[in-house]
C-alpha atoms as a PDB file:
ATOM      1  CA  MET A   1       9.090 308.179 110.362  1.00  0.00           C
ATOM      2  CA  ASN A   2       5.835 306.783 111.676  1.00  0.00           C
ATOM      3  CA  THR A   3       5.941 307.603 115.386  1.00  0.00           C
ATOM      4  CA  SER A   4       2.501 306.170 116.195  1.00  0.00           C
ATOM      5  CA  LYS A   5       3.457 302.489 115.879  1.00  0.00           C
ATOM      6  CA  THR A   6       5.063 300.341 118.550  1.00  0.00           C
ATOM      7  CA  SER A   7       7.859 297.781 118.235  1.00  0.00           C
ATOM      8  CA  LEU A   8       6.759 294.257 117.364  1.00  0.00           C
ATOM      9  CA  PRO A   9       6.747 292.076 120.510  1.00  0.00           C
ATOM     10  CA  GLN A  10       8.479 288.739 121.015  1.00  0.00           C
ATOM     11  CA  ALA A  11       5.085 287.004 120.711  1.00  0.00           C
ATOM     12  CA  TYR A  12       4.857 288.158 117.076  1.00  0.00           C
ATOM     13  CA  PHE A  13       8.026 286.235 116.205  1.00  0.00           C
ATOM     14  CA  ASP A  14       7.051 283.239 118.322  1.00  0.00           C
ATOM     15  CA  ASP A  15       3.827 282.959 116.307  1.00  0.00           C
ATOM     16  CA  VAL A  16       5.720 283.256 113.013  1.00  0.00           C
ATOM     17  CA  TYR A  17       8.138 280.451 113.947  1.00  0.00           C
ATOM     18  CA  ARG A  18       5.404 278.215 115.340  1.00  0.00           C
ATOM     19  CA  ALA A  19       3.735 278.361 111.932  1.00  0.00           C
ATOM     20  CA  ASN A  20       6.925 277.719 109.942  1.00  0.00           C
ATOM     21  CA  GLU A  21      10.426 276.709 111.068  1.00  0.00           C
ATOM     22  CA  ASP A  22      11.963 278.709 108.186  1.00  0.00           C
ATOM     23  CA  PRO A  23       9.364 281.427 107.521  1.00  0.00           C
ATOM     24  CA  TRP A  24      11.563 283.540 105.247  1.00  0.00           C
ATOM     25  CA  ASN A  25      13.113 280.583 103.385  1.00  0.00           C
ATOM     26  CA  PHE A  26      16.624 281.386 104.579  1.00  0.00           C
ATOM     27  CA  THR A  27      17.873 277.950 103.551  1.00  0.00           C
ATOM     28  CA  SER A  28      16.435 277.895 100.021  1.00  0.00           C
ATOM     29  CA  SER A  29      15.779 281.450  98.798  1.00  0.00           C
ATOM     30  CA  ALA A  30      17.932 282.771  95.940  1.00  0.00           C
ATOM     31  CA  TYR A  31      17.268 286.281  97.289  1.00  0.00           C
ATOM     32  CA  GLU A  32      18.668 285.355 100.707  1.00  0.00           C
ATOM     33  CA  ARG A  33      21.654 283.545  99.198  1.00  0.00           C
ATOM     34  CA  GLU A  34      22.593 286.547  97.042  1.00  0.00           C
ATOM     35  CA  LYS A  35      22.095 288.925  99.962  1.00  0.00           C
ATOM     36  CA  TYR A  36      24.330 286.807 102.218  1.00  0.00           C
ATOM     37  CA  GLU A  37      27.051 286.807  99.544  1.00  0.00           C
ATOM     38  CA  ALA A  38      26.842 290.602  99.279  1.00  0.00           C
ATOM     39  CA  THR A  39      26.808 291.012 103.072  1.00  0.00           C
ATOM     40  CA  LEU A  40      29.971 288.982 103.585  1.00  0.00           C
ATOM     41  CA  ALA A  41      31.707 290.478 100.540  1.00  0.00           C
ATOM     42  CA  VAL A  42      31.541 294.067 101.823  1.00  0.00           C
ATOM     43  CA  LEU A  43      33.152 293.321 105.197  1.00  0.00           C
ATOM     44  CA  PRO A  44      36.494 295.145 105.043  1.00  0.00           C
ATOM     45  CA  ARG A  45      38.362 292.672 107.242  1.00  0.00           C
ATOM     46  CA  GLU A  46      38.875 289.021 106.506  1.00  0.00           C
ATOM     47  CA  ARG A  47      38.623 288.281 110.234  1.00  0.00           C
ATOM     48  CA  TYR A  48      37.050 289.939 113.276  1.00  0.00           C
ATOM     49  CA  ALA A  49      37.985 289.461 116.927  1.00  0.00           C
ATOM     50  CA  SER A  50      34.455 289.803 118.290  1.00  0.00           C
ATOM     51  CA  ALA A  51      31.231 290.049 116.282  1.00  0.00           C
ATOM     52  CA  PHE A  52      27.615 290.558 117.336  1.00  0.00           C
ATOM     53  CA  GLU A  53      24.792 289.479 115.020  1.00  0.00           C
ATOM     54  CA  ILE A  54      21.397 290.928 115.903  1.00  0.00           C
ATOM     55  CA  GLY A  55      18.583 288.770 114.541  1.00  0.00           C
ATOM     56  CA  CYS A  56      20.277 285.482 113.683  1.00  0.00           C
ATOM     57  CA  SER A  57      17.058 283.456 113.226  1.00  0.00           C
ATOM     58  CA  ILE A  58      17.953 279.851 112.325  1.00  0.00           C
ATOM     59  CA  GLY A  59      21.629 280.731 111.868  1.00  0.00           C
ATOM     60  CA  VAL A  60      22.153 280.432 108.108  1.00  0.00           C
ATOM     61  CA  LEU A  61      24.188 283.654 107.814  1.00  0.00           C
ATOM     62  CA  SER A  62      25.626 283.103 111.305  1.00  0.00           C
ATOM     63  CA  GLU A  63      27.318 279.903 110.175  1.00  0.00           C
ATOM     64  CA  ARG A  64      29.174 281.716 107.414  1.00  0.00           C
ATOM     65  CA  LEU A  65      29.970 284.659 109.675  1.00  0.00           C
ATOM     66  CA  ALA A  66      31.375 282.401 112.401  1.00  0.00           C
ATOM     67  CA  ALA A  67      34.093 281.202 110.057  1.00  0.00           C
ATOM     68  CA  ARG A  68      35.466 284.769 109.977  1.00  0.00           C
ATOM     69  CA  CYS A  69      35.275 285.552 113.709  1.00  0.00           C
ATOM     70  CA  ASP A  70      37.357 284.678 116.751  1.00  0.00           C
ATOM     71  CA  ARG A  71      34.132 285.170 118.752  1.00  0.00           C
ATOM     72  CA  LEU A  72      30.550 285.490 117.554  1.00  0.00           C
ATOM     73  CA  LEU A  73      27.473 286.251 119.619  1.00  0.00           C
ATOM     74  CA  ALA A  74      24.320 285.572 117.580  1.00  0.00           C
ATOM     75  CA  VAL A  75      20.962 286.517 119.112  1.00  0.00           C
ATOM     76  CA  ASP A  76      17.291 286.511 118.233  1.00  0.00           C
ATOM     77  CA  ALA A  77      14.169 287.825 119.960  1.00  0.00           C
ATOM     78  CA  SER A  78      12.470 284.410 119.798  1.00  0.00           C
ATOM     79  CA  GLU A  79      13.900 281.256 121.338  1.00  0.00           C
ATOM     80  CA  LEU A  80      12.137 279.039 118.780  1.00  0.00           C
ATOM     81  CA  PRO A  81      14.557 279.458 115.830  1.00  0.00           C
ATOM     82  CA  LEU A  82      17.596 279.277 118.083  1.00  0.00           C
ATOM     83  CA  GLN A  83      17.433 275.498 118.382  1.00  0.00           C
ATOM     84  CA  ALA A  84      18.220 275.288 114.668  1.00  0.00           C
ATOM     85  CA  ALA A  85      20.852 278.023 115.006  1.00  0.00           C
ATOM     86  CA  ARG A  86      22.607 276.117 117.793  1.00  0.00           C
ATOM     87  CA  ARG A  87      22.699 272.947 115.689  1.00  0.00           C
ATOM     88  CA  ARG A  88      24.059 274.866 112.717  1.00  0.00           C
ATOM     89  CA  LEU A  89      26.752 276.559 114.804  1.00  0.00           C
ATOM     90  CA  ALA A  90      27.724 273.472 116.824  1.00  0.00           C
ATOM     91  CA  PRO A  91      30.954 272.983 114.798  1.00  0.00           C
ATOM     92  CA  TYR A  92      32.069 276.516 115.771  1.00  0.00           C
ATOM     93  CA  PRO A  93      33.088 276.634 119.448  1.00  0.00           C
ATOM     94  CA  GLN A  94      33.749 280.362 119.148  1.00  0.00           C
ATOM     95  CA  ALA A  95      30.050 281.010 118.448  1.00  0.00           C
ATOM     96  CA  THR A  96      27.440 281.633 121.151  1.00  0.00           C
ATOM     97  CA  VAL A  97      23.700 281.678 120.436  1.00  0.00           C
ATOM     98  CA  ALA A  98      21.364 283.435 122.868  1.00  0.00           C
ATOM     99  CA  GLN A  99      17.802 284.678 123.158  1.00  0.00           C
ATOM    100  CA  MET A 100      17.879 288.480 123.433  1.00  0.00           C
ATOM    101  CA  GLN A 101      15.485 291.205 122.338  1.00  0.00           C
ATOM    102  CA  ILE A 102      17.181 294.481 121.450  1.00  0.00           C
ATOM    103  CA  PRO A 103      16.980 297.099 122.964  1.00  0.00           C
ATOM    104  CA  ALA A 104      15.389 295.667 126.132  1.00  0.00           C
ATOM    105  CA  SER A 105      18.571 293.595 126.540  1.00  0.00           C
ATOM    106  CA  PHE A 106      22.067 294.184 125.211  1.00  0.00           C
ATOM    107  CA  PRO A 107      25.348 292.362 125.885  1.00  0.00           C
ATOM    108  CA  ASP A 108      27.913 293.964 128.183  1.00  0.00           C
ATOM    109  CA  GLU A 109      30.949 293.358 125.977  1.00  0.00           C
ATOM    110  CA  SER A 110      32.358 295.392 123.095  1.00  0.00           C
ATOM    111  CA  PHE A 111      32.656 294.306 119.462  1.00  0.00           C
ATOM    112  CA  ASP A 112      34.665 295.164 116.370  1.00  0.00           C
ATOM    113  CA  LEU A 113      31.727 294.106 114.166  1.00  0.00           C
ATOM    114  CA  ILE A 114      27.999 294.556 114.731  1.00  0.00           C
ATOM    115  CA  LEU A 115      25.627 293.235 112.078  1.00  0.00           C
ATOM    116  CA  MET A 116      21.924 294.046 112.075  1.00  0.00           C
ATOM    117  CA  SER A 117      20.164 292.363 109.171  1.00  0.00           C
ATOM    118  CA  GLU A 118      16.387 292.431 108.649  1.00  0.00           C
ATOM    119  CA  VAL A 119      15.648 293.547 112.226  1.00  0.00           C
ATOM    120  CA  GLY A 120      15.580 297.334 112.487  1.00  0.00           C
ATOM    121  CA  TYR A 121      12.169 297.820 110.872  1.00  0.00           C
ATOM    122  CA  TYR A 122      10.553 295.751 113.633  1.00  0.00           C
ATOM    123  CA  LEU A 123      11.392 298.572 116.061  1.00  0.00           C
ATOM    124  CA  ALA A 124       9.472 301.784 116.578  1.00  0.00           C
ATOM    125  CA  GLU A 125      11.583 304.941 116.435  1.00  0.00           C
ATOM    126  CA  PRO A 126      12.176 305.309 120.225  1.00  0.00           C
ATOM    127  CA  ASP A 127      13.428 301.717 120.450  1.00  0.00           C
ATOM    128  CA  LEU A 128      15.558 302.114 117.318  1.00  0.00           C
ATOM    129  CA  ASP A 129      17.056 305.261 118.840  1.00  0.00           C
ATOM    130  CA  ARG A 130      17.921 303.329 122.000  1.00  0.00           C
ATOM    131  CA  ALA A 131      19.298 300.407 119.983  1.00  0.00           C
ATOM    132  CA  ARG A 132      21.481 302.714 117.892  1.00  0.00           C
ATOM    133  CA  GLN A 133      22.976 304.233 121.025  1.00  0.00           C
ATOM    134  CA  GLN A 134      23.637 300.774 122.459  1.00  0.00           C
ATOM    135  CA  MET A 135      25.422 299.749 119.266  1.00  0.00           C
ATOM    136  CA  LEU A 136      27.520 302.908 119.284  1.00  0.00           C
ATOM    137  CA  ASP A 137      28.402 302.409 122.943  1.00  0.00           C
ATOM    138  CA  HIS A 138      29.492 298.789 122.374  1.00  0.00           C
ATOM    139  CA  LEU A 139      31.237 299.184 119.017  1.00  0.00           C
ATOM    140  CA  LEU A 140      34.996 299.514 119.381  1.00  0.00           C
ATOM    141  CA  PRO A 141      36.790 302.483 117.763  1.00  0.00           C
ATOM    142  CA  ASP A 142      37.428 301.675 114.071  1.00  0.00           C
ATOM    143  CA  GLY A 143      34.899 298.818 114.384  1.00  0.00           C
ATOM    144  CA  HIS A 144      32.357 298.174 111.654  1.00  0.00           C
ATOM    145  CA  LEU A 145      28.567 298.384 111.776  1.00  0.00           C
ATOM    146  CA  LEU A 146      26.743 296.707 108.898  1.00  0.00           C
ATOM    147  CA  LEU A 147      23.019 297.160 108.223  1.00  0.00           C
ATOM    148  CA  VAL A 148      21.084 295.122 105.642  1.00  0.00           C
ATOM    149  CA  HIS A 149      17.309 295.507 105.267  1.00  0.00           C
ATOM    150  CA  TRP A 150      14.417 294.747 102.914  1.00  0.00           C
ATOM    151  CA  THR A 151      13.205 298.094 101.552  1.00  0.00           C
ATOM    152  CA  PRO A 152       9.637 297.524 100.200  1.00  0.00           C
ATOM    153  CA  PHE A 153       6.851 298.654 102.509  1.00  0.00           C
ATOM    154  CA  VAL A 154       5.386 296.030 104.854  1.00  0.00           C
ATOM    155  CA  PRO A 155       2.154 297.096 106.628  1.00  0.00           C
ATOM    156  CA  ASP A 156       2.952 295.134 109.824  1.00  0.00           C
ATOM    157  CA  TYR A 157       6.312 296.816 110.377  1.00  0.00           C
ATOM    158  CA  PRO A 158       6.697 300.086 112.303  1.00  0.00           C
ATOM    159  CA  LEU A 159       9.427 301.324 109.906  1.00  0.00           C
ATOM    160  CA  THR A 160      10.745 300.683 106.412  1.00  0.00           C
ATOM    161  CA  GLY A 161      14.268 299.523 105.715  1.00  0.00           C
ATOM    162  CA  ASP A 162      15.130 302.924 104.262  1.00  0.00           C
ATOM    163  CA  GLU A 163      13.880 304.692 107.387  1.00  0.00           C
ATOM    164  CA  VAL A 164      16.105 302.469 109.529  1.00  0.00           C
ATOM    165  CA  HIS A 165      19.209 303.162 107.444  1.00  0.00           C
ATOM    166  CA  ASP A 166      18.485 306.883 107.172  1.00  0.00           C
ATOM    167  CA  PHE A 167      18.194 307.017 110.956  1.00  0.00           C
ATOM    168  CA  PHE A 168      21.729 305.653 111.252  1.00  0.00           C
ATOM    169  CA  MET A 169      22.920 308.073 108.570  1.00  0.00           C
ATOM    170  CA  ASP A 170      21.992 310.842 111.024  1.00  0.00           C
ATOM    171  CA  ALA A 171      24.991 309.676 113.111  1.00  0.00           C
ATOM    172  CA  VAL A 172      27.384 310.346 110.199  1.00  0.00           C
ATOM    173  CA  GLY A 173      29.274 313.571 109.583  1.00  0.00           C
ATOM    174  CA  GLU A 174      31.383 316.187 111.329  1.00  0.00           C
ATOM    175  CA  GLY A 175      31.330 315.608 115.077  1.00  0.00           C
ATOM    176  CA  GLN A 176      29.253 312.432 114.695  1.00  0.00           C
ATOM    177  CA  PRO A 177      30.410 308.969 115.804  1.00  0.00           C
ATOM    178  CA  LEU A 178      30.089 307.135 112.485  1.00  0.00           C
ATOM    179  CA  ILE A 179      31.851 307.263 109.131  1.00  0.00           C
ATOM    180  CA  HIS A 180      29.814 305.983 106.181  1.00  0.00           C
ATOM    181  CA  LEU A 181      31.945 303.615 104.115  1.00  0.00           C
ATOM    182  CA  LEU A 182      29.583 302.028 101.617  1.00  0.00           C
ATOM    183  CA  ASN A 183      26.027 301.908 100.283  1.00  0.00           C
ATOM    184  CA  GLN A 184      24.634 299.186  98.030  1.00  0.00           C
ATOM    185  CA  ARG A 185      21.049 299.031  96.879  1.00  0.00           C
ATOM    186  CA  THR A 186      19.152 296.425  94.912  1.00  0.00           C
ATOM    187  CA  GLU A 187      15.494 296.324  93.941  1.00  0.00           C
ATOM    188  CA  LYS A 188      14.616 294.616  97.240  1.00  0.00           C
ATOM    189  CA  TYR A 189      17.235 295.494  99.880  1.00  0.00           C
ATOM    190  CA  ARG A 190      19.696 298.140 101.023  1.00  0.00           C
ATOM    191  CA  LEU A 191      23.109 297.627 102.574  1.00  0.00           C
ATOM    192  CA  ASP A 192      25.064 300.301 104.450  1.00  0.00           C
ATOM    193  CA  LEU A 193      28.493 299.874 106.043  1.00  0.00           C
ATOM    194  CA  PHE A 194      29.734 302.230 108.767  1.00  0.00           C
ATOM    195  CA  GLN A 195      32.900 302.566 110.813  1.00  0.00           C
ATOM    196  CA  LYS A 196      33.112 304.057 114.281  1.00  0.00           C
ATOM    197  CA  ARG A 197      35.476 307.002 114.514  1.00  0.00           C
ATOM    198  CA  SER A 198      38.698 306.297 116.348  1.00  0.00           C
ATOM    199  CA  LEU A 199      39.286 308.019 119.683  1.00  0.00           C
END
């Protein structure tokens, strides 16, 4: 891992969203649509009691996730895309949208699903380490942790998608808190599903 870089600040994302309301074409991209289908398809449970989505952006995936959750907390580091996310999730009273930058802030409650999609590579290793521990602390026993990240190298980002996923793989194995359930890889992204060991 590159330990010399620092995590991207909130201002980076504010600038991105000021320039374009949908900078990654979440609403129109065939890549995003296929990735969302794959993300939802690998979830082992049809319904979750309490889910936490880290990096919801304008809420395109959040809307589909909300339909499978009794409670959903969807957060993003920038407030700017959350206006669109709130509009998109308005029909789902069980969904809450909030501005929150992980790991500087983290919700107090526990979850049976935590989803981090296209976020981890914005964090430098010390912040990713802290974020991983927060997720482990707030994931219920037998709960699922799903990571989905773009894998090609991006010069702006402190880490690659593979480095993020490999870092979480270090928490798998004998005496470790996570069980690795599934890996899927395409030309552009990687998906890994974990389950927290029961007590």
